[in-house]
PDB file of N, CA and C in Angstrom:
ATOM      1  N   UNK A   1      98.867  -2.333  69.138  1.00  0.00           N
ATOM      2  CA  UNK A   1      98.958  -1.603  67.898  1.00  0.00           C
ATOM      3  C   UNK A   1      97.593  -1.662  67.210  1.00  0.00           C
ATOM      4  N   UNK A   2      97.085  -0.552  66.733  1.00  0.00           N
ATOM      5  CA  UNK A   2      95.781  -0.549  66.066  1.00  0.00           C
ATOM      6  C   UNK A   2      95.832  -1.297  64.735  1.00  0.00           C
ATOM      7  N   UNK A   3      94.690  -1.832  64.360  1.00  0.00           N
ATOM      8  CA  UNK A   3      94.582  -2.607  63.124  1.00  0.00           C
ATOM      9  C   UNK A   3      94.881  -1.752  61.893  1.00  0.00           C
ATOM     10  N   UNK A   4      94.428  -0.509  61.886  1.00  0.00           N
ATOM     11  CA  UNK A   4      94.554   0.357  60.720  1.00  0.00           C
ATOM     12  C   UNK A   4      95.976   0.866  60.495  1.00  0.00           C
ATOM     13  N   UNK A   5      96.824   0.842  61.506  1.00  0.00           N
ATOM     14  CA  UNK A   5      98.172   1.391  61.382  1.00  0.00           C
ATOM     15  C   UNK A   5      99.215   0.306  61.663  1.00  0.00           C
ATOM     16  N   UNK A   6      99.553  -0.502  60.666  1.00  0.00           N
ATOM     17  CA  UNK A   6     100.550  -1.552  60.916  1.00  0.00           C
ATOM     18  C   UNK A   6     101.938  -0.966  61.149  1.00  0.00           C
ATOM     19  N   UNK A   7     102.704  -1.668  61.911  1.00  0.00           N
ATOM     20  CA  UNK A   7     104.061  -1.252  62.230  1.00  0.00           C
ATOM     21  C   UNK A   7     104.951  -1.484  61.001  1.00  0.00           C
ATOM     22  N   UNK A   8     105.616  -0.462  60.473  1.00  0.00           N
ATOM     23  CA  UNK A   8     106.467  -0.648  59.288  1.00  0.00           C
ATOM     24  C   UNK A   8     107.664  -1.560  59.540  1.00  0.00           C
ATOM     25  N   UNK A   9     107.988  -1.813  60.793  1.00  0.00           N
ATOM     26  CA  UNK A   9     109.092  -2.706  61.131  1.00  0.00           C
ATOM     27  C   UNK A   9     108.642  -4.162  61.267  1.00  0.00           C
ATOM     28  N   UNK A  10     107.354  -4.419  61.120  1.00  0.00           N
ATOM     29  CA  UNK A  10     106.802  -5.770  61.250  1.00  0.00           C
ATOM     30  C   UNK A  10     107.311  -6.647  60.107  1.00  0.00           C
ATOM     31  N   UNK A  11     108.039  -7.738  60.410  1.00  0.00           N
ATOM     32  CA  UNK A  11     108.575  -8.589  59.340  1.00  0.00           C
ATOM     33  C   UNK A  11     107.482  -9.374  58.603  1.00  0.00           C
ATOM     34  N   UNK A  12     106.292  -9.457  59.166  1.00  0.00           N
ATOM     35  CA  UNK A  12     105.209 -10.199  58.522  1.00  0.00           C
ATOM     36  C   UNK A  12     104.328  -9.301  57.653  1.00  0.00           C
ATOM     37  N   UNK A  13     104.647  -8.034  57.556  1.00  0.00           N
ATOM     38  CA  UNK A  13     103.888  -7.094  56.755  1.00  0.00           C
ATOM     39  C   UNK A  13     104.009  -7.469  55.282  1.00  0.00           C
ATOM     40  N   UNK A  14     102.874  -7.615  54.603  1.00  0.00           N
ATOM     41  CA  UNK A  14     102.889  -7.967  53.187  1.00  0.00           C
ATOM     42  C   UNK A  14     103.253  -6.749  52.350  1.00  0.00           C
ATOM     43  N   UNK A  15     104.182  -6.948  51.452  1.00  0.00           N
ATOM     44  CA  UNK A  15     104.631  -5.864  50.584  1.00  0.00           C
ATOM     45  C   UNK A  15     104.611  -6.377  49.147  1.00  0.00           C
ATOM     46  N   UNK A  16     103.910  -5.674  48.270  1.00  0.00           N
ATOM     47  CA  UNK A  16     103.872  -6.054  46.866  1.00  0.00           C
ATOM     48  C   UNK A  16     104.814  -5.191  46.057  1.00  0.00           C
ATOM     49  N   UNK A  17     105.468  -5.784  45.095  1.00  0.00           N
ATOM     50  CA  UNK A  17     106.368  -5.040  44.218  1.00  0.00           C
ATOM     51  C   UNK A  17     106.082  -5.422  42.778  1.00  0.00           C
ATOM     52  N   UNK A  18     106.295  -4.511  41.888  1.00  0.00           N
ATOM     53  CA  UNK A  18     106.175  -4.794  40.468  1.00  0.00           C
ATOM     54  C   UNK A  18     107.517  -5.198  39.902  1.00  0.00           C
ATOM     55  N   UNK A  19     107.509  -6.198  39.053  1.00  0.00           N
ATOM     56  CA  UNK A  19     108.742  -6.658  38.431  1.00  0.00           C
ATOM     57  C   UNK A  19     108.678  -6.394  36.937  1.00  0.00           C
ATOM     58  N   UNK A  20     109.787  -6.018  36.345  1.00  0.00           N
ATOM     59  CA  UNK A  20     109.771  -5.780  34.905  1.00  0.00           C
ATOM     60  C   UNK A  20     109.577  -7.098  34.159  1.00  0.00           C
ATOM     61  N   UNK A  21     108.897  -7.024  33.038  1.00  0.00           N
ATOM     62  CA  UNK A  21     108.675  -8.221  32.238  1.00  0.00           C
ATOM     63  C   UNK A  21     108.695  -7.872  30.765  1.00  0.00           C
ATOM     64  N   UNK A  22     108.978  -8.869  29.964  1.00  0.00           N
ATOM     65  CA  UNK A  22     108.979  -8.664  28.529  1.00  0.00           C
ATOM     66  C   UNK A  22     107.918  -9.565  27.897  1.00  0.00           C
ATOM     67  N   UNK A  23     107.886  -9.607  26.593  1.00  0.00           N
ATOM     68  CA  UNK A  23     106.868 -10.398  25.896  1.00  0.00           C
ATOM     69  C   UNK A  23     106.984 -11.886  26.225  1.00  0.00           C
ATOM     70  N   UNK A  24     108.194 -12.377  26.378  1.00  0.00           N
ATOM     71  CA  UNK A  24     108.386 -13.795  26.704  1.00  0.00           C
ATOM     72  C   UNK A  24     107.777 -14.133  28.062  1.00  0.00           C
ATOM     73  N   UNK A  25     107.957 -13.244  29.036  1.00  0.00           N
ATOM     74  CA  UNK A  25     107.382 -13.522  30.356  1.00  0.00           C
ATOM     75  C   UNK A  25     105.858 -13.435  30.312  1.00  0.00           C
ATOM     76  N   UNK A  26     105.310 -12.552  29.481  1.00  0.00           N
ATOM     77  CA  UNK A  26     103.856 -12.467  29.322  1.00  0.00           C
ATOM     78  C   UNK A  26     103.312 -13.752  28.690  1.00  0.00           C
ATOM     79  N   UNK A  27     104.024 -14.296  27.705  1.00  0.00           N
ATOM     80  CA  UNK A  27     103.590 -15.555  27.079  1.00  0.00           C
ATOM     81  C   UNK A  27     103.607 -16.699  28.082  1.00  0.00           C
ATOM     82  N   UNK A  28     104.645 -16.742  28.903  1.00  0.00           N
ATOM     83  CA  UNK A  28     104.726 -17.780  29.933  1.00  0.00           C
ATOM     84  C   UNK A  28     103.576 -17.653  30.921  1.00  0.00           C
ATOM     85  N   UNK A  29     103.226 -16.418  31.273  1.00  0.00           N
ATOM     86  CA  UNK A  29     102.131 -16.203  32.207  1.00  0.00           C
ATOM     87  C   UNK A  29     100.804 -16.654  31.589  1.00  0.00           C
ATOM     88  N   UNK A  30     100.591 -16.348  30.318  1.00  0.00           N
ATOM     89  CA  UNK A  30      99.369 -16.797  29.643  1.00  0.00           C
ATOM     90  C   UNK A  30      99.285 -18.313  29.651  1.00  0.00           C
ATOM     91  N   UNK A  31     100.378 -18.966  29.339  1.00  0.00           N
ATOM     92  CA  UNK A  31     100.388 -20.435  29.344  1.00  0.00           C
ATOM     93  C   UNK A  31     100.080 -20.990  30.732  1.00  0.00           C
ATOM     94  N   UNK A  32     100.664 -20.389  31.756  1.00  0.00           N
ATOM     95  CA  UNK A  32     100.441 -20.869  33.122  1.00  0.00           C
ATOM     96  C   UNK A  32      98.980 -20.703  33.543  1.00  0.00           C
ATOM     97  N   UNK A  33      98.412 -19.518  33.275  1.00  0.00           N
ATOM     98  CA  UNK A  33      97.007 -19.300  33.625  1.00  0.00           C
ATOM     99  C   UNK A  33      96.094 -20.224  32.828  1.00  0.00           C
ATOM    100  N   UNK A  34      96.331 -20.325  31.525  1.00  0.00           N
ATOM    101  CA  UNK A  34      95.483 -21.165  30.672  1.00  0.00           C
ATOM    102  C   UNK A  34      95.554 -22.626  31.111  1.00  0.00           C
ATOM    103  N   UNK A  35      96.752 -23.099  31.420  1.00  0.00           N
ATOM    104  CA  UNK A  35      96.895 -24.490  31.865  1.00  0.00           C
ATOM    105  C   UNK A  35      96.179 -24.718  33.193  1.00  0.00           C
ATOM    106  N   UNK A  36      96.337 -23.787  34.116  1.00  0.00           N
ATOM    107  CA  UNK A  36      95.696 -23.944  35.419  1.00  0.00           C
ATOM    108  C   UNK A  36      94.178 -24.080  35.280  1.00  0.00           C
ATOM    109  N   UNK A  37      93.569 -23.201  34.503  1.00  0.00           N
ATOM    110  CA  UNK A  37      92.118 -23.242  34.363  1.00  0.00           C
ATOM    111  C   UNK A  37      91.659 -24.390  33.482  1.00  0.00           C
ATOM    112  N   UNK A  38      92.450 -24.766  32.492  1.00  0.00           N
ATOM    113  CA  UNK A  38      92.104 -25.926  31.658  1.00  0.00           C
ATOM    114  C   UNK A  38      92.107 -27.197  32.496  1.00  0.00           C
ATOM    115  N   UNK A  39      93.062 -27.320  33.405  1.00  0.00           N
ATOM    116  CA  UNK A  39      93.138 -28.505  34.258  1.00  0.00           C
ATOM    117  C   UNK A  39      91.995 -28.554  35.262  1.00  0.00           C
ATOM    118  N   UNK A  40      91.369 -27.396  35.519  1.00  0.00           N
ATOM    119  CA  UNK A  40      90.193 -27.370  36.394  1.00  0.00           C
ATOM    120  C   UNK A  40      88.911 -27.646  35.616  1.00  0.00           C
ATOM    121  N   UNK A  41      89.021 -27.796  34.287  1.00  0.00           N
ATOM    122  CA  UNK A  41      87.861 -28.150  33.487  1.00  0.00           C
ATOM    123  C   UNK A  41      87.195 -26.995  32.772  1.00  0.00           C
ATOM    124  N   UNK A  42      87.797 -25.796  32.784  1.00  0.00           N
ATOM    125  CA  UNK A  42      87.217 -24.650  32.090  1.00  0.00           C
ATOM    126  C   UNK A  42      87.363 -24.841  30.583  1.00  0.00           C
ATOM    127  N   UNK A  43      86.389 -24.358  29.813  1.00  0.00           N
ATOM    128  CA  UNK A  43      86.499 -24.420  28.360  1.00  0.00           C
ATOM    129  C   UNK A  43      87.130 -23.128  27.829  1.00  0.00           C
ATOM    130  N   UNK A  44      87.303 -23.051  26.511  1.00  0.00           N
ATOM    131  CA  UNK A  44      87.991 -21.921  25.897  1.00  0.00           C
ATOM    132  C   UNK A  44      87.305 -20.592  26.191  1.00  0.00           C
ATOM    133  N   UNK A  45      85.985 -20.556  26.089  1.00  0.00           N
ATOM    134  CA  UNK A  45      85.252 -19.308  26.315  1.00  0.00           C
ATOM    135  C   UNK A  45      85.412 -18.815  27.754  1.00  0.00           C
ATOM    136  N   UNK A  46      85.361 -19.715  28.719  1.00  0.00           N
ATOM    137  CA  UNK A  46      85.503 -19.325  30.134  1.00  0.00           C
ATOM    138  C   UNK A  46      86.908 -18.812  30.430  1.00  0.00           C
ATOM    139  N   UNK A  47      87.914 -19.468  29.871  1.00  0.00           N
ATOM    140  CA  UNK A  47      89.290 -19.034  30.113  1.00  0.00           C
ATOM    141  C   UNK A  47      89.525 -17.662  29.489  1.00  0.00           C
ATOM    142  N   UNK A  48      89.035 -17.467  28.273  1.00  0.00           N
ATOM    143  CA  UNK A  48      89.201 -16.170  27.619  1.00  0.00           C
ATOM    144  C   UNK A  48      88.512 -15.072  28.411  1.00  0.00           C
ATOM    145  N   UNK A  49      87.362 -15.369  28.965  1.00  0.00           N
ATOM    146  CA  UNK A  49      86.644 -14.366  29.764  1.00  0.00           C
ATOM    147  C   UNK A  49      87.461 -13.964  30.993  1.00  0.00           C
ATOM    148  N   UNK A  50      88.201 -14.896  31.583  1.00  0.00           N
ATOM    149  CA  UNK A  50      89.060 -14.560  32.719  1.00  0.00           C
ATOM    150  C   UNK A  50      90.146 -13.569  32.308  1.00  0.00           C
ATOM    151  N   UNK A  51      90.700 -13.749  31.111  1.00  0.00           N
ATOM    152  CA  UNK A  51      91.727 -12.829  30.633  1.00  0.00           C
ATOM    153  C   UNK A  51      91.145 -11.452  30.340  1.00  0.00           C
ATOM    154  N   UNK A  52      89.898 -11.386  29.951  1.00  0.00           N
ATOM    155  CA  UNK A  52      89.263 -10.109  29.623  1.00  0.00           C
ATOM    156  C   UNK A  52      88.924  -9.279  30.862  1.00  0.00           C
ATOM    157  N   UNK A  53      88.784  -9.907  32.006  1.00  0.00           N
ATOM    158  CA  UNK A  53      88.349  -9.204  33.219  1.00  0.00           C
ATOM    159  C   UNK A  53      89.519  -8.543  33.938  1.00  0.00           C
ATOM    160  N   UNK A  54      89.414  -7.243  34.186  1.00  0.00           N
ATOM    161  CA  UNK A  54      90.486  -6.536  34.902  1.00  0.00           C
ATOM    162  C   UNK A  54      90.703  -7.035  36.333  1.00  0.00           C
ATOM    163  N   UNK A  55      89.726  -7.730  36.911  1.00  0.00           N
ATOM    164  CA  UNK A  55      89.878  -8.269  38.263  1.00  0.00           C
ATOM    165  C   UNK A  55      91.090  -9.193  38.349  1.00  0.00           C
ATOM    166  N   UNK A  56      91.341  -9.960  37.285  1.00  0.00           N
ATOM    167  CA  UNK A  56      92.497 -10.860  37.233  1.00  0.00           C
ATOM    168  C   UNK A  56      93.663 -10.059  36.637  1.00  0.00           C
ATOM    169  N   UNK A  57      94.327  -9.288  37.483  1.00  0.00           N
ATOM    170  CA  UNK A  57      95.288  -8.276  37.027  1.00  0.00           C
ATOM    171  C   UNK A  57      96.412  -8.847  36.165  1.00  0.00           C
ATOM    172  N   UNK A  58      97.020  -9.932  36.587  1.00  0.00           N
ATOM    173  CA  UNK A  58      98.135 -10.499  35.818  1.00  0.00           C
ATOM    174  C   UNK A  58      97.697 -11.002  34.461  1.00  0.00           C
ATOM    175  N   UNK A  59      96.621 -11.760  34.436  1.00  0.00           N
ATOM    176  CA  UNK A  59      96.109 -12.296  33.176  1.00  0.00           C
ATOM    177  C   UNK A  59      95.629 -11.173  32.269  1.00  0.00           C
ATOM    178  N   UNK A  60      94.973 -10.189  32.837  1.00  0.00           N
ATOM    179  CA  UNK A  60      94.451  -9.084  32.042  1.00  0.00           C
ATOM    180  C   UNK A  60      95.579  -8.222  31.466  1.00  0.00           C
ATOM    181  N   UNK A  61      96.652  -8.027  32.221  1.00  0.00           N
ATOM    182  CA  UNK A  61      97.790  -7.258  31.714  1.00  0.00           C
ATOM    183  C   UNK A  61      98.409  -7.957  30.511  1.00  0.00           C
ATOM    184  N   UNK A  62      98.540  -9.276  30.584  1.00  0.00           N
ATOM    185  CA  UNK A  62      99.072 -10.032  29.448  1.00  0.00           C
ATOM    186  C   UNK A  62      98.130  -9.943  28.258  1.00  0.00           C
ATOM    187  N   UNK A  63      96.849  -9.990  28.521  1.00  0.00           N
ATOM    188  CA  UNK A  63      95.827  -9.866  27.472  1.00  0.00           C
ATOM    189  C   UNK A  63      95.934  -8.507  26.775  1.00  0.00           C
ATOM    190  N   UNK A  64      96.098  -7.451  27.548  1.00  0.00           N
ATOM    191  CA  UNK A  64      96.220  -6.109  26.964  1.00  0.00           C
ATOM    192  C   UNK A  64      97.502  -5.965  26.163  1.00  0.00           C
ATOM    193  N   UNK A  65      98.594  -6.530  26.668  1.00  0.00           N
ATOM    194  CA  UNK A  65      99.885  -6.354  26.006  1.00  0.00           C
ATOM    195  C   UNK A  65      99.999  -7.162  24.716  1.00  0.00           C
ATOM    196  N   UNK A  66      99.525  -8.415  24.735  1.00  0.00           N
ATOM    197  CA  UNK A  66      99.704  -9.278  23.570  1.00  0.00           C
ATOM    198  C   UNK A  66      98.508  -9.304  22.629  1.00  0.00           C
ATOM    199  N   UNK A  67      97.348  -8.886  23.093  1.00  0.00           N
ATOM    200  CA  UNK A  67      96.169  -8.854  22.240  1.00  0.00           C
ATOM    201  C   UNK A  67      95.357 -10.135  22.301  1.00  0.00           C
ATOM    202  N   UNK A  68      94.086  -9.994  21.937  1.00  0.00           N
ATOM    203  CA  UNK A  68      93.165 -11.126  22.054  1.00  0.00           C
ATOM    204  C   UNK A  68      93.530 -12.280  21.129  1.00  0.00           C
ATOM    205  N   UNK A  69      93.943 -11.983  19.903  1.00  0.00           N
ATOM    206  CA  UNK A  69      94.252 -13.060  18.949  1.00  0.00           C
ATOM    207  C   UNK A  69      95.362 -13.964  19.478  1.00  0.00           C
ATOM    208  N   UNK A  70      96.396 -13.369  20.040  1.00  0.00           N
ATOM    209  CA  UNK A  70      97.519 -14.161  20.581  1.00  0.00           C
ATOM    210  C   UNK A  70      97.068 -14.983  21.792  1.00  0.00           C
ATOM    211  N   UNK A  71      96.263 -14.373  22.658  1.00  0.00           N
ATOM    212  CA  UNK A  71      95.777 -15.076  23.851  1.00  0.00           C
ATOM    213  C   UNK A  71      94.883 -16.248  23.447  1.00  0.00           C
ATOM    214  N   UNK A  72      93.984 -16.025  22.499  1.00  0.00           N
ATOM    215  CA  UNK A  72      93.097 -17.098  22.031  1.00  0.00           C
ATOM    216  C   UNK A  72      93.919 -18.237  21.454  1.00  0.00           C
ATOM    217  N   UNK A  73      94.936 -17.915  20.669  1.00  0.00           N
ATOM    218  CA  UNK A  73      95.797 -18.942  20.088  1.00  0.00           C
ATOM    219  C   UNK A  73      96.486 -19.768  21.169  1.00  0.00           C
ATOM    220  N   UNK A  74      96.986 -19.105  22.198  1.00  0.00           N
ATOM    221  CA  UNK A  74      97.690 -19.808  23.265  1.00  0.00           C
ATOM    222  C   UNK A  74      96.735 -20.635  24.120  1.00  0.00           C
ATOM    223  N   UNK A  75      95.528 -20.130  24.342  1.00  0.00           N
ATOM    224  CA  UNK A  75      94.520 -20.906  25.078  1.00  0.00           C
ATOM    225  C   UNK A  75      94.177 -22.166  24.286  1.00  0.00           C
ATOM    226  N   UNK A  76      94.010 -22.004  22.984  1.00  0.00           N
ATOM    227  CA  UNK A  76      93.684 -23.148  22.135  1.00  0.00           C
ATOM    228  C   UNK A  76      94.793 -24.203  22.186  1.00  0.00           C
ATOM    229  N   UNK A  77      96.044 -23.763  22.100  1.00  0.00           N
ATOM    230  CA  UNK A  77      97.179 -24.691  22.193  1.00  0.00           C
ATOM    231  C   UNK A  77      97.178 -25.427  23.534  1.00  0.00           C
ATOM    232  N   UNK A  78      96.906 -24.702  24.597  1.00  0.00           N
ATOM    233  CA  UNK A  78      96.878 -25.314  25.927  1.00  0.00           C
ATOM    234  C   UNK A  78      95.759 -26.333  26.039  1.00  0.00           C
ATOM    235  N   UNK A  79      94.595 -26.009  25.491  1.00  0.00           N
ATOM    236  CA  UNK A  79      93.461 -26.936  25.560  1.00  0.00           C
ATOM    237  C   UNK A  79      93.681 -28.180  24.714  1.00  0.00           C
ATOM    238  N   UNK A  80      94.533 -28.090  23.694  1.00  0.00           N
ATOM    239  CA  UNK A  80      94.875 -29.277  22.912  1.00  0.00           C
ATOM    240  C   UNK A  80      95.544 -30.328  23.803  1.00  0.00           C
ATOM    241  N   UNK A  81      96.291 -29.853  24.781  1.00  0.00           N
ATOM    242  CA  UNK A  81      96.980 -30.774  25.691  1.00  0.00           C
ATOM    243  C   UNK A  81      96.105 -31.113  26.900  1.00  0.00           C
ATOM    244  N   UNK A  82      95.589 -30.088  27.571  1.00  0.00           N
ATOM    245  CA  UNK A  82      94.916 -30.275  28.850  1.00  0.00           C
ATOM    246  C   UNK A  82      93.399 -30.302  28.762  1.00  0.00           C
ATOM    247  N   UNK A  83      92.830 -29.935  27.646  1.00  0.00           N
ATOM    248  CA  UNK A  83      91.377 -29.851  27.537  1.00  0.00           C
ATOM    249  C   UNK A  83      90.666 -31.179  27.462  1.00  0.00           C
ATOM    250  N   UNK A  84      91.402 -32.234  27.305  1.00  0.00           N
ATOM    251  CA  UNK A  84      90.802 -33.564  27.194  1.00  0.00           C
ATOM    252  C   UNK A  84      90.602 -34.225  28.550  1.00  0.00           C
ATOM    253  N   UNK A  85      91.162 -33.647  29.580  1.00  0.00           N
ATOM    254  CA  UNK A  85      91.060 -34.232  30.918  1.00  0.00           C
ATOM    255  C   UNK A  85      89.744 -33.795  31.540  1.00  0.00           C
ATOM    256  N   UNK A  86      88.959 -34.755  31.994  1.00  0.00           N
ATOM    257  CA  UNK A  86      87.706 -34.455  32.690  1.00  0.00           C
ATOM    258  C   UNK A  86      87.696 -35.241  33.993  1.00  0.00           C
ATOM    259  N   UNK A  87      87.622 -34.536  35.079  1.00  0.00           N
ATOM    260  CA  UNK A  87      87.587 -35.173  36.386  1.00  0.00           C
ATOM    261  C   UNK A  87      86.147 -35.481  36.759  1.00  0.00           C
ATOM    262  N   UNK A  88      85.928 -36.679  37.291  1.00  0.00           N
ATOM    263  CA  UNK A  88      84.598 -37.091  37.707  1.00  0.00           C
ATOM    264  C   UNK A  88      84.686 -37.554  39.149  1.00  0.00           C
ATOM    265  N   UNK A  89      83.831 -37.008  39.971  1.00  0.00           N
ATOM    266  CA  UNK A  89      83.805 -37.364  41.389  1.00  0.00           C
ATOM    267  C   UNK A  89      82.710 -38.395  41.592  1.00  0.00           C
ATOM    268  N   UNK A  90      83.064 -39.578  42.085  1.00  0.00           N
ATOM    269  CA  UNK A  90      82.095 -40.643  42.295  1.00  0.00           C
ATOM    270  C   UNK A  90      82.218 -41.195  43.704  1.00  0.00           C
ATOM    271  N   UNK A  91      81.115 -41.665  44.202  1.00  0.00           N
ATOM    272  CA  UNK A  91      81.121 -42.333  45.497  1.00  0.00           C
ATOM    273  C   UNK A  91      81.764 -43.710  45.329  1.00  0.00           C
ATOM    274  N   UNK A  92      82.541 -44.156  46.322  1.00  0.00           N
ATOM    275  CA  UNK A  92      83.140 -45.488  46.207  1.00  0.00           C
ATOM    276  C   UNK A  92      82.062 -46.558  46.280  1.00  0.00           C
ATOM    277  N   UNK A  93      82.295 -47.636  45.547  1.00  0.00           N
ATOM    278  CA  UNK A  93      81.342 -48.747  45.582  1.00  0.00           C
ATOM    279  C   UNK A  93      81.461 -49.470  46.915  1.00  0.00           C
ATOM    280  N   UNK A  94      80.333 -49.957  47.408  1.00  0.00           N
ATOM    281  CA  UNK A  94      80.343 -50.693  48.671  1.00  0.00           C
ATOM    282  C   UNK A  94      80.914 -52.075  48.450  1.00  0.00           C
ATOM    283  N   UNK A  95      81.597 -52.574  49.472  1.00  0.00           N
ATOM    284  CA  UNK A  95      82.149 -53.933  49.390  1.00  0.00           C
ATOM    285  C   UNK A  95      81.015 -54.942  49.355  1.00  0.00           C
ATOM    286  N   UNK A  96      81.174 -55.943  48.532  1.00  0.00           N
ATOM    287  CA  UNK A  96      80.181 -56.984  48.456  1.00  0.00           C
ATOM    288  C   UNK A  96      79.011 -56.642  47.546  1.00  0.00           C
ATOM    289  N   UNK A  97      78.998 -55.469  46.971  1.00  0.00           N
ATOM    290  CA  UNK A  97      77.919 -55.107  46.052  1.00  0.00           C
ATOM    291  C   UNK A  97      78.115 -55.855  44.740  1.00  0.00           C
ATOM    292  N   UNK A  98      77.028 -56.321  44.201  1.00  0.00           N
ATOM    293  CA  UNK A  98      77.128 -57.064  42.933  1.00  0.00           C
ATOM    294  C   UNK A  98      76.273 -56.370  41.883  1.00  0.00           C
ATOM    295  N   UNK A  99      76.490 -56.733  40.650  1.00  0.00           N
ATOM    296  CA  UNK A  99      75.749 -56.154  39.538  1.00  0.00           C
ATOM    297  C   UNK A  99      74.433 -56.859  39.280  1.00  0.00           C
ATOM    298  N   UNK A 100      74.089 -57.861  40.075  1.00  0.00           N
ATOM    299  CA  UNK A 100      72.851 -58.642  39.856  1.00  0.00           C
ATOM    300  C   UNK A 100      71.633 -57.814  40.097  1.00  0.00           C
TER     301      UNK A 100
END
């Protein structure tokens, strides 16, 4: 079978569908995206920029529907909880090493 013409009977064929949503589901999506990026160490400005970019379709749709003020408020609330976490990657100390 050629690459350009997938078999419509193929059970592994990816199919995307749109699901109806209301304002509550948009708020939940904003919280989920904001929490995910806050836990990765993004600050408020970086997270807001992700919502502004059409490339991030789900986040951008919520941004368009609820408006920037609501999104900023929800990002701020999320950062109050998750914005204090900072991950630091360090090499393990060698055994027998001393502070002398």
